[in-house]
Protein backbone atom coordinates (compact mmCIF):
# COMPACT_ATOMS: atom_id res chain seq x y z
CA MET A 1 159.57 29.72 19.89
CA ARG A 2 155.87 29.92 20.62
CA LYS A 3 155.67 26.22 20.04
CA LYS A 4 158.41 25.59 22.77
CA VAL A 5 156.38 27.20 25.51
CA VAL A 6 153.20 25.32 24.44
CA ALA A 7 155.13 22.05 24.70
CA PHE A 8 156.53 23.05 28.07
CA LEU A 9 152.98 23.59 29.37
CA LEU A 10 152.19 19.95 28.99
CA ALA A 11 154.98 19.05 31.42
CA SER A 12 154.43 21.83 33.98
CA ALA A 13 152.93 21.09 37.30
CA MET A 14 150.58 23.89 38.29
CA VAL A 15 150.01 24.91 41.84
CA PHE A 16 146.95 26.90 42.83
CA SER A 17 144.80 29.82 41.64
CA THR A 18 141.76 31.74 43.05
CA VAL A 19 138.68 32.48 41.08
CA ALA A 20 135.04 32.91 40.96
CA CYS A 21 131.85 32.64 39.14
CA GLY A 22 131.24 35.59 37.00
CA GLY A 23 134.87 35.92 37.11
CA ASN A 24 137.47 33.33 36.68
CA GLY A 25 141.04 32.51 37.13
CA ASN A 26 144.22 33.37 38.70
CA THR A 27 144.36 36.26 41.00
CA THR A 28 147.34 37.73 39.05
CA ASP A 29 146.62 36.58 35.55
CA ASN A 30 144.27 37.58 32.79
CA THR A 31 141.26 35.51 33.75
CA ASP A 32 138.16 36.05 36.33
CA LYS A 33 138.64 43.31 32.79
CA ASN A 34 144.45 46.80 28.40
CA THR A 35 143.19 49.67 30.32
CA THR A 36 144.76 51.19 33.38
CA GLY A 37 142.62 52.27 36.34
CA SER A 38 139.11 51.85 37.53
CA ALA A 39 135.92 51.84 35.67
CA ALA A 40 135.91 55.62 35.93
CA GLU A 41 139.50 56.15 34.62
CA ASN A 42 140.10 53.83 31.70
CA THR A 43 143.05 54.20 29.34
CA THR A 44 144.67 51.85 26.86
CA ASN A 45 148.27 50.72 26.60
CA ASP A 46 149.00 53.46 24.02
CA GLU A 47 152.67 54.32 24.17
CA GLN A 48 153.19 54.44 27.99
CA GLY A 49 156.92 54.25 28.77
CA ASP A 50 159.71 51.98 27.57
CA ARG A 51 158.83 48.45 26.36
CA SER A 52 161.65 48.01 23.90
CA MET A 53 163.69 45.46 25.94
CA TYR A 54 160.88 42.81 25.29
CA PRO A 55 160.04 43.00 21.54
CA GLY A 56 157.56 40.09 21.66
CA THR A 57 156.86 37.08 19.45
CA GLU A 58 158.30 36.59 15.99
CA GLU A 59 155.34 35.64 13.84
CA GLU A 60 154.21 38.61 11.69
CA GLY A 61 150.63 39.81 12.25
CA ALA A 62 150.10 37.51 15.26
CA ILE A 63 150.08 38.04 19.02
CA THR A 64 150.10 35.55 21.92
CA PHE A 65 148.09 36.11 25.01
CA ASN A 66 148.02 34.09 28.23
CA LEU A 67 144.47 33.09 28.85
CA THR A 68 145.66 31.24 31.94
CA SER A 69 143.33 28.28 32.00
CA GLU A 70 141.09 26.03 29.89
CA PRO A 71 137.71 27.83 29.26
CA PRO A 72 135.09 25.66 31.06
CA ASP A 73 132.00 26.60 28.98
CA MET A 74 132.01 28.30 25.64
CA CYS A 75 128.26 28.35 25.18
CA SER A 76 127.09 31.94 25.88
CA LEU A 77 123.83 30.63 27.25
CA THR A 78 125.34 28.79 30.09
CA THR A 79 128.85 30.16 30.68
CA THR A 80 129.42 32.14 34.00
CA ASP A 81 133.20 32.53 34.00
CA VAL A 82 135.54 35.17 32.74
CA THR A 83 138.03 32.85 31.02
CA SER A 84 135.33 31.66 28.63
CA GLY A 85 134.02 35.25 28.32
CA ASN A 86 137.50 36.42 27.30
CA VAL A 87 137.50 34.09 24.38
CA LEU A 88 133.79 34.74 23.50
CA ARG A 89 134.42 38.56 23.53
CA GLN A 90 136.95 38.14 20.62
CA ILE A 91 134.78 35.90 18.49
CA MET A 92 131.24 37.15 19.14
CA GLU A 93 129.72 40.50 18.26
CA PRO A 94 126.76 41.56 20.58
CA LEU A 95 123.90 43.87 19.83
CA VAL A 96 125.76 46.76 21.55
CA CYS A 97 129.48 46.91 22.30
CA LEU A 98 131.49 48.77 24.79
CA ASP A 99 134.29 51.01 23.51
CA GLU A 100 137.68 51.39 25.08
CA HIS A 101 136.10 53.71 27.74
CA ASP A 102 133.25 51.31 28.52
CA GLU A 103 130.70 53.50 26.76
CA PRO A 104 128.01 51.88 24.50
CA THR A 105 128.82 51.80 20.81
CA GLU A 106 127.51 50.08 17.70
CA GLY A 107 127.73 46.40 17.54
CA VAL A 108 125.28 44.33 15.43
CA ALA A 109 122.91 47.22 16.15
CA THR A 110 123.59 50.52 14.33
CA LYS A 111 121.21 52.61 16.32
CA TRP A 112 118.35 52.31 18.81
CA LYS A 113 115.63 54.51 20.31
CA VAL A 114 113.80 54.40 23.59
CA SER A 115 110.17 55.14 24.40
CA ASP A 116 109.40 58.04 26.73
CA ASP A 117 108.47 55.69 29.57
CA GLY A 118 111.92 53.95 29.29
CA LEU A 119 110.32 50.54 28.69
CA ILE A 120 110.53 49.86 24.91
CA TYR A 121 113.86 49.77 22.99
CA THR A 122 113.82 49.51 19.18
CA PHE A 123 117.17 48.38 17.66
CA THR A 124 118.04 48.67 14.03
CA LEU A 125 120.51 45.97 13.02
CA ARG A 126 123.23 46.25 10.35
CA GLU A 127 122.70 44.20 7.23
CA GLY A 128 125.22 42.01 5.56
CA MET A 129 126.73 40.48 8.67
CA LYS A 130 127.40 36.65 8.43
CA TRP A 131 127.74 33.75 10.85
CA THR A 132 130.76 31.60 10.21
CA ASN A 133 128.39 28.99 8.79
CA GLY A 134 127.43 31.41 6.12
CA GLU A 135 123.95 32.27 7.45
CA PRO A 136 123.02 35.99 7.84
CA VAL A 137 123.01 37.54 11.33
CA THR A 138 119.45 38.74 11.98
CA ALA A 139 117.21 39.95 14.80
CA HIS A 140 115.85 36.49 15.01
CA ASP A 141 119.19 35.26 16.35
CA PHE A 142 118.79 37.58 19.36
CA GLU A 143 115.19 36.70 19.98
CA TYR A 144 116.12 33.02 19.83
CA ALA A 145 119.00 33.41 22.20
CA TRP A 146 117.33 35.55 24.82
CA LYS A 147 114.38 33.27 25.04
CA LYS A 148 116.58 30.26 25.19
CA ILE A 149 118.53 31.54 28.22
CA LEU A 150 115.23 32.04 29.95
CA ASN A 151 113.82 28.61 29.03
CA PRO A 152 113.75 26.55 32.20
CA GLU A 153 115.09 23.49 30.32
CA THR A 154 118.29 25.39 29.56
CA ALA A 155 118.96 25.60 33.32
CA ALA A 156 121.19 28.67 32.76
CA GLU A 157 122.63 30.11 36.01
CA TYR A 158 122.60 33.52 34.44
CA ALA A 159 118.82 33.28 33.45
CA TYR A 160 118.12 35.97 36.00
CA PHE A 161 120.28 38.31 33.94
CA ALA A 162 117.38 38.41 31.36
CA TYR A 163 114.66 39.08 34.06
CA VAL A 164 115.00 42.66 32.97
CA LEU A 165 112.84 41.68 29.95
CA LYS A 166 109.08 41.84 30.37
CA ASN A 167 107.91 38.47 31.65
CA GLY A 168 111.39 37.15 31.76
CA GLU A 169 111.16 35.80 35.28
CA ALA A 170 107.65 34.60 34.71
CA TYR A 171 108.74 32.59 31.72
CA ASN A 172 111.76 31.18 33.56
CA ASN A 173 109.55 30.12 36.36
CA GLY A 174 107.08 28.45 34.05
CA ASN A 175 104.32 31.03 34.54
CA CYS A 176 103.88 32.15 30.99
CA SER A 177 104.91 31.18 27.44
CA ALA A 178 107.95 32.26 25.48
CA ASP A 179 105.69 34.40 23.14
CA GLU A 180 104.98 36.61 26.19
CA VAL A 181 108.61 37.52 26.73
CA GLY A 182 109.52 41.09 25.86
CA VAL A 183 111.79 40.61 22.91
CA LYS A 184 110.57 40.29 19.36
CA ALA A 185 112.13 40.36 15.89
CA THR A 186 109.68 42.46 14.00
CA SER A 187 111.75 41.99 10.84
CA ASP A 188 115.14 40.50 10.00
CA TYR A 189 116.82 43.76 10.96
CA GLU A 190 114.60 45.32 13.69
CA LEU A 191 114.45 44.04 17.25
CA VAL A 192 111.95 45.41 19.72
CA VAL A 193 112.66 44.81 23.40
CA THR A 194 110.11 45.48 26.24
CA LEU A 195 111.42 45.80 29.72
CA GLU A 196 109.79 44.75 32.98
CA ASN A 197 110.78 48.09 34.52
CA PRO A 198 112.80 51.07 33.35
CA THR A 199 116.47 49.98 33.66
CA ALA A 200 119.26 52.66 33.29
CA TYR A 201 122.11 50.24 32.73
CA PHE A 202 120.20 48.03 30.12
CA VAL A 203 122.03 49.24 27.00
CA LYS A 204 125.49 48.85 28.65
CA SER A 205 124.56 45.36 29.86
CA LEU A 206 123.95 44.17 26.21
CA SER A 207 127.63 43.74 25.75
CA PHE A 208 127.69 40.92 28.31
CA TYR A 209 127.80 37.37 26.94
CA SER A 210 124.44 36.39 28.32
CA PHE A 211 122.92 38.69 25.70
CA TYR A 212 124.92 37.48 22.76
CA PRO A 213 123.05 36.16 19.76
CA LEU A 214 122.89 32.44 18.90
CA ASN A 215 122.72 30.72 15.53
CA GLN A 216 119.72 28.44 15.91
CA LYS A 217 120.75 26.00 13.22
CA ALA A 218 124.21 25.35 14.78
CA TYR A 219 122.96 25.19 18.32
CA GLU A 220 120.31 22.65 17.54
CA GLU A 221 122.61 20.64 15.37
CA TYR A 222 125.35 20.20 17.94
CA GLY A 223 123.14 20.00 20.92
CA ASP A 224 125.03 19.34 24.16
CA LYS A 225 128.33 19.44 22.18
CA TYR A 226 127.81 23.08 21.20
CA GLY A 227 130.85 25.21 22.14
CA THR A 228 133.03 22.18 23.15
CA ASP A 229 135.47 22.32 20.16
CA ALA A 230 136.46 24.74 17.43
CA ASP A 231 134.36 22.98 14.85
CA LYS A 232 131.21 23.07 17.09
CA ILE A 233 130.69 26.67 17.60
CA VAL A 234 129.37 29.25 15.12
CA THR A 235 130.39 32.89 15.71
CA ASN A 236 129.91 36.37 14.23
CA GLY A 237 132.77 38.44 15.71
CA ALA A 238 136.03 40.10 14.71
CA PHE A 239 137.81 36.72 15.01
CA THR A 240 136.98 33.04 14.37
CA MET A 241 138.06 30.12 16.43
CA LYS A 242 140.54 28.15 14.12
CA GLU A 243 141.74 25.58 16.63
CA TRP A 244 141.21 24.51 20.18
CA LYS A 245 143.85 22.24 21.67
CA HIS A 246 142.18 21.42 25.08
CA GLN A 247 144.36 22.35 28.14
CA ASN A 248 146.92 23.81 25.80
CA GLU A 249 145.97 26.65 23.40
CA ILE A 250 143.28 28.29 21.37
CA VAL A 251 143.98 29.84 17.93
CA LEU A 252 141.83 32.69 16.68
CA GLU A 253 142.02 34.12 13.16
CA LYS A 254 140.73 37.44 11.84
CA ASN A 255 137.31 37.13 10.39
CA PRO A 256 137.41 38.43 6.73
CA ASP A 257 133.65 38.73 6.69
CA PHE A 258 133.47 40.86 9.79
CA TYR A 259 131.87 44.27 8.96
CA ASN A 260 134.87 46.18 10.51
CA ALA A 261 137.59 43.84 9.32
CA ASP A 262 139.72 46.51 7.75
CA LYS A 263 140.11 48.11 11.12
CA VAL A 264 141.12 44.88 13.00
CA GLY A 265 144.90 45.11 13.23
CA VAL A 266 145.79 41.51 14.14
CA ASP A 267 145.58 38.49 11.86
CA LYS A 268 146.01 35.85 14.43
CA ILE A 269 145.75 35.41 18.21
CA TYR A 270 147.29 32.48 20.13
CA MET A 271 145.68 32.03 23.54
CA LEU A 272 147.88 29.94 25.95
CA MET A 273 146.81 28.36 29.19
CA MET A 274 149.71 28.96 31.62
CA GLU A 275 148.65 28.98 35.20
CA ASN A 276 152.10 28.95 36.69
CA THR A 277 153.27 32.57 37.16
CA SER A 278 157.01 31.66 36.76
CA THR A 279 156.35 29.98 33.51
CA THR A 280 154.22 32.95 32.42
CA LEU A 281 156.95 35.49 33.00
CA ASN A 282 159.62 33.41 31.44
CA SER A 283 157.51 33.04 28.26
CA PHE A 284 157.14 36.79 28.05
CA GLN A 285 160.86 37.44 28.66
CA THR A 286 161.95 34.85 26.08
CA GLY A 287 159.62 36.32 23.29
CA GLU A 288 157.06 33.57 23.36
CA ALA A 289 154.14 35.68 24.63
CA ASP A 290 153.02 39.30 24.07
CA ILE A 291 150.51 39.89 26.83
CA VAL A 292 150.78 38.21 30.28
CA GLY A 293 149.49 38.86 33.72
CA LEU A 294 152.09 39.52 36.50
CA SER A 295 152.24 38.86 40.19
CA GLY A 296 153.10 41.74 42.40
CA ASP A 297 156.72 40.67 42.73
CA GLN A 298 157.01 40.19 39.01
CA SER A 299 155.61 43.56 38.51
CA ASP A 300 158.20 45.08 40.83
CA LEU A 301 160.88 43.19 39.05
CA LEU A 302 160.07 44.44 35.57
CA GLU A 303 159.62 47.96 36.73
CA SER A 304 163.04 47.80 38.46
CA GLU A 305 164.42 46.90 34.95
CA GLY A 306 162.88 50.11 33.61
CA PHE A 307 160.02 48.24 31.80
CA ASP A 308 156.61 49.85 31.63
CA VAL A 309 154.20 47.69 33.44
CA PHE A 310 150.32 48.29 33.23
CA ASN A 311 147.90 48.12 36.14
CA TYR A 312 144.09 48.21 36.17
CA ASN A 313 141.31 47.84 38.60
CA ASP A 314 139.41 44.87 37.26
CA GLY A 315 136.35 45.46 39.54
CA SER A 316 136.50 42.09 41.20
CA CYS A 317 135.85 41.13 44.80
CA ALA A 318 137.58 37.97 46.16
CA TYR A 319 135.75 36.39 49.02
CA LEU A 320 135.12 33.23 51.11
CA GLU A 321 131.85 31.75 50.22
CA TYR A 322 130.17 29.59 52.91
CA ASN A 323 127.84 26.65 52.48
CA LEU A 324 125.05 27.25 54.91
CA ASN A 325 123.88 23.72 54.49
CA ASN A 326 126.79 22.92 56.73
CA LYS A 327 125.29 23.14 60.20
CA TYR A 328 128.46 24.91 61.59
CA LEU A 329 128.62 27.44 58.76
CA ALA A 330 124.91 28.10 59.11
CA ASN A 331 125.93 29.81 62.40
CA GLU A 332 126.09 33.57 61.86
CA ASN A 333 128.67 34.14 64.61
CA LEU A 334 131.08 31.60 63.15
CA ARG A 335 130.85 33.34 59.67
CA LEU A 336 131.46 36.72 61.19
CA ALA A 337 134.25 35.40 63.27
CA LEU A 338 136.03 33.84 60.27
CA GLY A 339 135.75 37.23 58.29
CA ALA A 340 137.02 39.27 61.30
CA ALA A 341 139.99 36.89 61.92
CA ILE A 342 141.75 37.60 58.59
CA ASP A 343 144.08 40.61 58.06
CA THR A 344 142.96 41.30 54.49
CA SER A 345 145.34 44.27 54.15
CA VAL A 346 148.22 41.83 54.30
CA ILE A 347 146.82 39.78 51.43
CA ALA A 348 146.03 42.87 49.48
CA GLU A 349 149.38 44.78 49.93
CA ASN A 350 151.87 41.92 50.33
CA VAL A 351 150.43 38.91 48.50
CA ILE A 352 148.33 40.15 45.49
CA LYS A 353 149.78 43.70 45.40
CA ASN A 354 149.42 45.69 42.08
CA GLY A 355 147.04 48.20 43.87
CA THR A 356 144.70 45.56 45.23
CA LYS A 357 142.95 46.81 48.32
CA ALA A 358 141.48 45.48 51.55
CA PRO A 359 137.69 45.63 51.18
CA THR A 360 135.34 47.71 53.22
CA GLY A 361 132.32 45.64 51.99
CA PHE A 362 131.31 43.33 49.25
CA THR A 363 130.57 45.63 46.29
CA PRO A 364 133.97 47.09 45.09
CA GLU A 365 134.97 50.60 44.36
CA ALA A 366 134.91 50.15 40.50
CA ILE A 367 131.10 50.26 40.73
CA LEU A 368 129.49 53.73 40.85
CA GLY A 369 126.85 54.83 43.22
CA LEU A 370 124.87 58.07 42.65
CA GLU A 371 127.96 60.41 42.41
CA LYS A 372 130.92 58.50 43.89
CA PRO A 373 132.21 54.96 43.97
CA PHE A 374 129.46 52.90 45.73
CA PRO A 375 131.62 51.82 48.79
CA GLU A 376 132.29 55.55 49.60
CA GLU A 377 128.53 56.24 49.51
CA VAL A 378 127.52 53.24 51.53
CA GLY A 379 130.32 53.31 54.06
CA GLN A 380 132.08 50.34 55.76
CA THR A 381 129.77 47.37 55.92
CA ILE A 382 132.09 44.71 57.43
CA ILE A 383 133.78 44.49 60.77
CA GLY A 384 137.21 44.37 59.14
CA TYR A 385 140.24 42.76 60.80
CA ASN A 386 139.60 42.56 64.54
CA PRO A 387 141.19 39.49 66.30
CA ASP A 388 139.61 40.28 69.70
CA LYS A 389 136.07 40.66 68.19
CA ALA A 390 136.74 37.50 65.97
CA LYS A 391 137.59 35.52 69.11
CA GLU A 392 134.57 36.80 70.99
CA LEU A 393 132.31 35.80 68.10
CA TYR A 394 133.98 32.42 67.75
CA ASP A 395 133.49 31.67 71.38
CA LYS A 396 129.79 32.43 71.04
CA ALA A 397 129.61 30.02 68.11
CA VAL A 398 131.18 27.35 70.15
CA GLU A 399 128.73 27.94 72.97
CA GLU A 400 125.93 27.46 70.47
CA LEU A 401 127.39 24.55 68.41
CA GLY A 402 129.81 22.73 70.61
CA GLU A 403 133.32 21.91 69.26
CA ILE A 404 133.73 22.99 65.65
CA PRO A 405 135.41 20.46 63.37
CA LYS A 406 138.04 21.01 60.67
CA LEU A 407 136.60 22.88 57.76
CA THR A 408 137.84 22.72 54.20
CA ILE A 409 138.48 25.55 51.79
CA ILE A 410 138.38 24.56 48.14
CA THR A 411 140.14 26.69 45.44
CA ASP A 412 141.79 26.36 42.15
CA ASP A 413 145.20 24.94 41.17
CA GLY A 414 147.17 28.13 40.44
CA ASP A 415 150.08 29.42 42.57
CA ALA A 416 148.56 32.89 43.42
CA ALA A 417 145.69 31.35 45.36
CA ALA A 418 148.00 29.04 47.22
CA LYS A 419 149.58 32.13 48.85
CA SER A 420 146.27 33.70 49.71
CA CYS A 421 144.66 30.58 51.10
CA THR A 422 147.73 29.59 53.10
CA PHE A 423 147.70 32.98 54.72
CA ILE A 424 143.99 32.66 55.46
CA GLN A 425 144.58 29.20 56.89
CA GLU A 426 147.27 30.56 59.28
CA GLU A 427 145.13 33.59 60.30
CA ILE A 428 142.16 31.38 61.25
CA LYS A 429 144.45 29.07 63.21
CA LYS A 430 146.21 31.83 64.99
CA ASN A 431 143.22 33.96 65.81
CA LEU A 432 140.47 31.36 66.41
CA GLY A 433 142.29 28.14 66.99
CA LEU A 434 140.30 26.50 64.25
CA GLU A 435 141.96 24.02 61.80
CA VAL A 436 141.29 24.76 58.14
CA GLU A 437 142.31 22.42 55.28
CA ILE A 438 142.97 23.66 51.78
CA GLN A 439 141.95 21.53 48.79
CA GLN A 440 143.06 22.39 45.29
CA MET A 441 141.42 21.40 42.00
CA THR A 442 140.95 22.57 38.47
CA PHE A 443 138.88 25.62 37.86
CA LYS A 444 136.24 23.60 36.09
CA ASN A 445 135.94 21.12 38.91
CA ARG A 446 135.71 23.91 41.45
CA LEU A 447 132.86 25.41 39.52
CA ALA A 448 131.09 22.03 39.49
CA ARG A 449 131.55 21.59 43.24
CA MET A 450 130.09 25.06 43.80
CA THR A 451 127.10 24.36 41.61
CA ALA A 452 126.47 21.06 43.44
CA GLN A 453 127.00 22.88 46.78
CA ASP A 454 129.56 20.25 47.60
CA PHE A 455 131.89 22.39 49.71
CA ASP A 456 132.40 23.86 53.15
CA ILE A 457 134.07 27.13 52.14
CA VAL A 458 135.24 28.11 48.59
CA MET A 459 137.77 30.90 47.73
CA ALA A 460 135.71 32.65 45.05
CA LEU A 461 135.92 35.84 43.05
CA TRP A 462 133.20 37.90 41.30
CA GLY A 463 133.77 40.48 38.60
CA PRO A 464 131.12 42.92 37.44
CA ASP A 465 128.95 42.31 34.44
CA TYR A 466 127.82 46.00 34.17
CA ASN A 467 128.34 49.13 36.16
CA ASP A 468 125.69 48.96 38.81
CA PRO A 469 125.64 47.58 42.29
CA MET A 470 123.07 45.10 41.34
CA THR A 471 125.75 43.17 39.38
CA PHE A 472 127.09 42.15 42.88
CA LEU A 473 124.05 42.31 45.09
CA ASP A 474 121.65 40.22 43.09
CA LEU A 475 123.99 37.25 43.49
CA TRP A 476 122.42 36.41 46.98
CA GLU A 477 118.85 36.37 45.97
CA THR A 478 117.10 33.23 47.26
CA ASN A 479 117.61 30.40 44.83
CA GLY A 480 119.55 32.70 42.46
CA GLY A 481 121.55 30.89 39.72
CA ASN A 482 124.77 32.02 41.23
CA ASN A 483 123.88 31.79 44.92
CA HIS A 484 125.64 28.65 46.00
CA THR A 485 125.65 29.58 49.70
CA GLY A 486 122.01 28.45 50.48
CA TRP A 487 121.57 31.82 52.28
CA SER A 488 118.03 33.11 52.04
CA ASN A 489 116.61 36.28 53.46
CA LYS A 490 113.04 37.47 52.84
CA GLU A 491 113.84 41.11 53.65
CA TYR A 492 116.85 40.98 51.23
CA ASP A 493 114.70 39.52 48.43
CA GLU A 494 112.08 42.19 48.98
CA LEU A 495 114.81 44.88 48.72
CA LEU A 496 115.95 43.47 45.34
CA SER A 497 112.40 43.49 44.15
CA LYS A 498 112.13 47.28 45.19
CA ILE A 499 115.39 48.07 43.36
CA ARG A 500 114.20 46.50 40.23
CA LYS A 501 111.05 48.53 40.17
CA GLU A 502 112.14 51.90 41.61
CA VAL A 503 112.46 54.64 39.01
CA ASP A 504 113.76 57.41 41.38
CA GLU A 505 117.52 57.06 41.24
CA LYS A 506 118.18 58.30 44.83
CA GLU A 507 115.51 56.01 46.34
CA ARG A 508 116.74 53.18 44.27
CA MET A 509 120.30 53.79 45.56
CA ASN A 510 119.12 53.92 49.19
CA TYR A 511 117.66 50.43 48.72
CA LEU A 512 120.95 49.28 47.28
CA TYR A 513 122.76 50.63 50.37
CA GLU A 514 120.36 48.69 52.63
CA ALA A 515 120.94 45.50 50.71
CA GLU A 516 124.72 45.82 50.93
CA LYS A 517 124.47 46.42 54.66
CA LEU A 518 122.06 43.40 55.23
CA VAL A 519 124.07 40.86 53.25
CA MET A 520 127.24 41.90 55.09
CA ALA A 521 125.51 41.89 58.57
CA GLU A 522 124.75 38.13 58.01
CA GLN A 523 127.77 37.56 55.90
CA PRO A 524 127.12 34.36 53.79
CA VAL A 525 130.43 35.53 52.08
CA SER A 526 133.40 37.32 53.73
CA PRO A 527 135.14 39.79 51.44
CA ILE A 528 138.97 39.29 51.19
CA TYR A 529 140.21 41.84 48.76
CA TRP A 530 139.24 44.18 45.85
CA ARG A 531 141.49 43.17 43.04
CA SER A 532 143.79 45.26 40.79
CA LYS A 533 145.94 43.52 38.20
CA ALA A 534 149.31 44.07 36.57
CA TYR A 535 150.28 42.87 33.20
CA ALA A 536 152.97 43.20 30.63
CA VAL A 537 152.57 44.05 26.89
CA SER A 538 155.38 43.46 24.51
CA ASP A 539 156.84 46.23 22.30
CA LYS A 540 155.33 44.46 19.27
CA ILE A 541 151.95 45.94 20.26
CA GLU A 542 151.69 49.61 19.61
CA SER A 543 148.26 50.27 21.05
CA GLY A 544 144.68 49.14 21.62
CA VAL A 545 144.76 46.44 24.29
CA VAL A 546 141.73 47.20 26.29
CA ARG A 547 141.32 45.97 29.80
CA THR A 548 138.65 47.43 32.13
CA ALA A 549 136.44 46.26 34.99
CA PHE A 550 133.72 45.41 32.35
CA GLN A 551 135.95 44.02 29.52
CA ASP A 552 138.57 41.87 31.16
CA ILE A 553 140.45 41.87 27.80
CA ASN A 554 139.31 43.10 24.41
CA LEU A 555 141.74 42.57 21.52
CA LYS A 556 139.82 43.80 18.51
CA TYR A 557 141.28 47.36 18.77
CA VAL A 558 144.96 46.09 18.87
CA GLN A 559 147.35 47.65 16.43
CA LEU A 560 150.75 46.23 15.87
CA ARG A 561 153.96 48.34 15.50
CA LYS A 562 154.94 48.79 11.86
């Protein structure tokens, strides 16, 4: 039966999906973090309610998960999207993992110690781990990878992620050598890391794919082809990539050489690429998939049948990203007008649903401040839905610019985004009188257009990489790898510099509040919603599907019903 749905995918016409950098995919499916709740209230799908009416797929020891779309970039050095990250998380083991509650736990490292000044971390690595090419996993693989992501020739959009390392930014900017970067394999199984400044979230951030190790032999052998096919990637995780049928499915198999293989409860994972939500639900109901994302209406439908549906706050913010190289969108009044013209509560509550909320700013509530969710501490930083204010701002923009031509919003080709973008289009027309066109494309093409700054407006979505407001706010640094807006603000850049250096937690958080307020005052992006997702898990799975704001999906803890 699994093969039937795979074949059907080839004939299915997909509509439209929203996404983002740092996050990917359909607003309702498992793409752009199986736990229920926010980052502060994670649980797994362990025995919650009745799921017996959908027993799941037939193949013993295997599960089928809807990945939603084709992974655009499976090289951990250069990937920026959640779809690719969701595959990499199953097949790669980082230095430090996150457990089902998002707390740091052993990965390749079995222990670590920190110097009194918080600058030097010494990691002890486990011995006996193997890459899938048979080579041992050593500290040198981490040193190689971390210096490679910072190498200017790699042109990694996430290079700034490793600026936390001493001289990381200097090396990336060509101002020092690789030997001066603060990461050193002092032996095969000891890694010493020196930070630029004390960084409280550093250990938690090590689970993110930008900090994954890299097998030097394989990377240099495959070159630009590394990570483009199942036989051109070398991994060290709980699963190995057995097969990759592009635009169709990925097949993972349990890694018998994994150090914790006896605790991995699944022998095989099929990852499908269904973007159409109707097709997705049908595959679940007919026993051809075990884990699928649900639209709000689908969630309501299954719950009305008595089926237990799971929800979780994935920590993402969906937003309109403006290209300030466009002379019209360079106008602050126009950007603010566009943001205030959209009733985001309607999109959150009636389109996306599943507990999704209208935003009060850019950084979502899954991110902690000093004691409470960051948005509670900083307060509302955007105008919010205000048609009168929107029209006033728009009229000022017209005075300054003259007649404003039709603008285009680019977005992905999944059906959930179509609903959101169509509503946005109607709101802008109704409240401003401005014509907006919607242009659909594949996720991969949309990312390419953003990187090339070949757009007017893009419907984007960003999910957190670690639990700190900087995972959202450093996006908009001048010339940052993921800043596609062209927005640049000297005061904002200075705030980011202060945030990185400040050791007093309260003072540092005050700088973060200022940064949030400043970027929303000028609004190179207009927040649309803070996303929560619903998904269904078949009765075949007893427990262990982990979904959080910081692990979109982690399947290595899954246990099947006996």
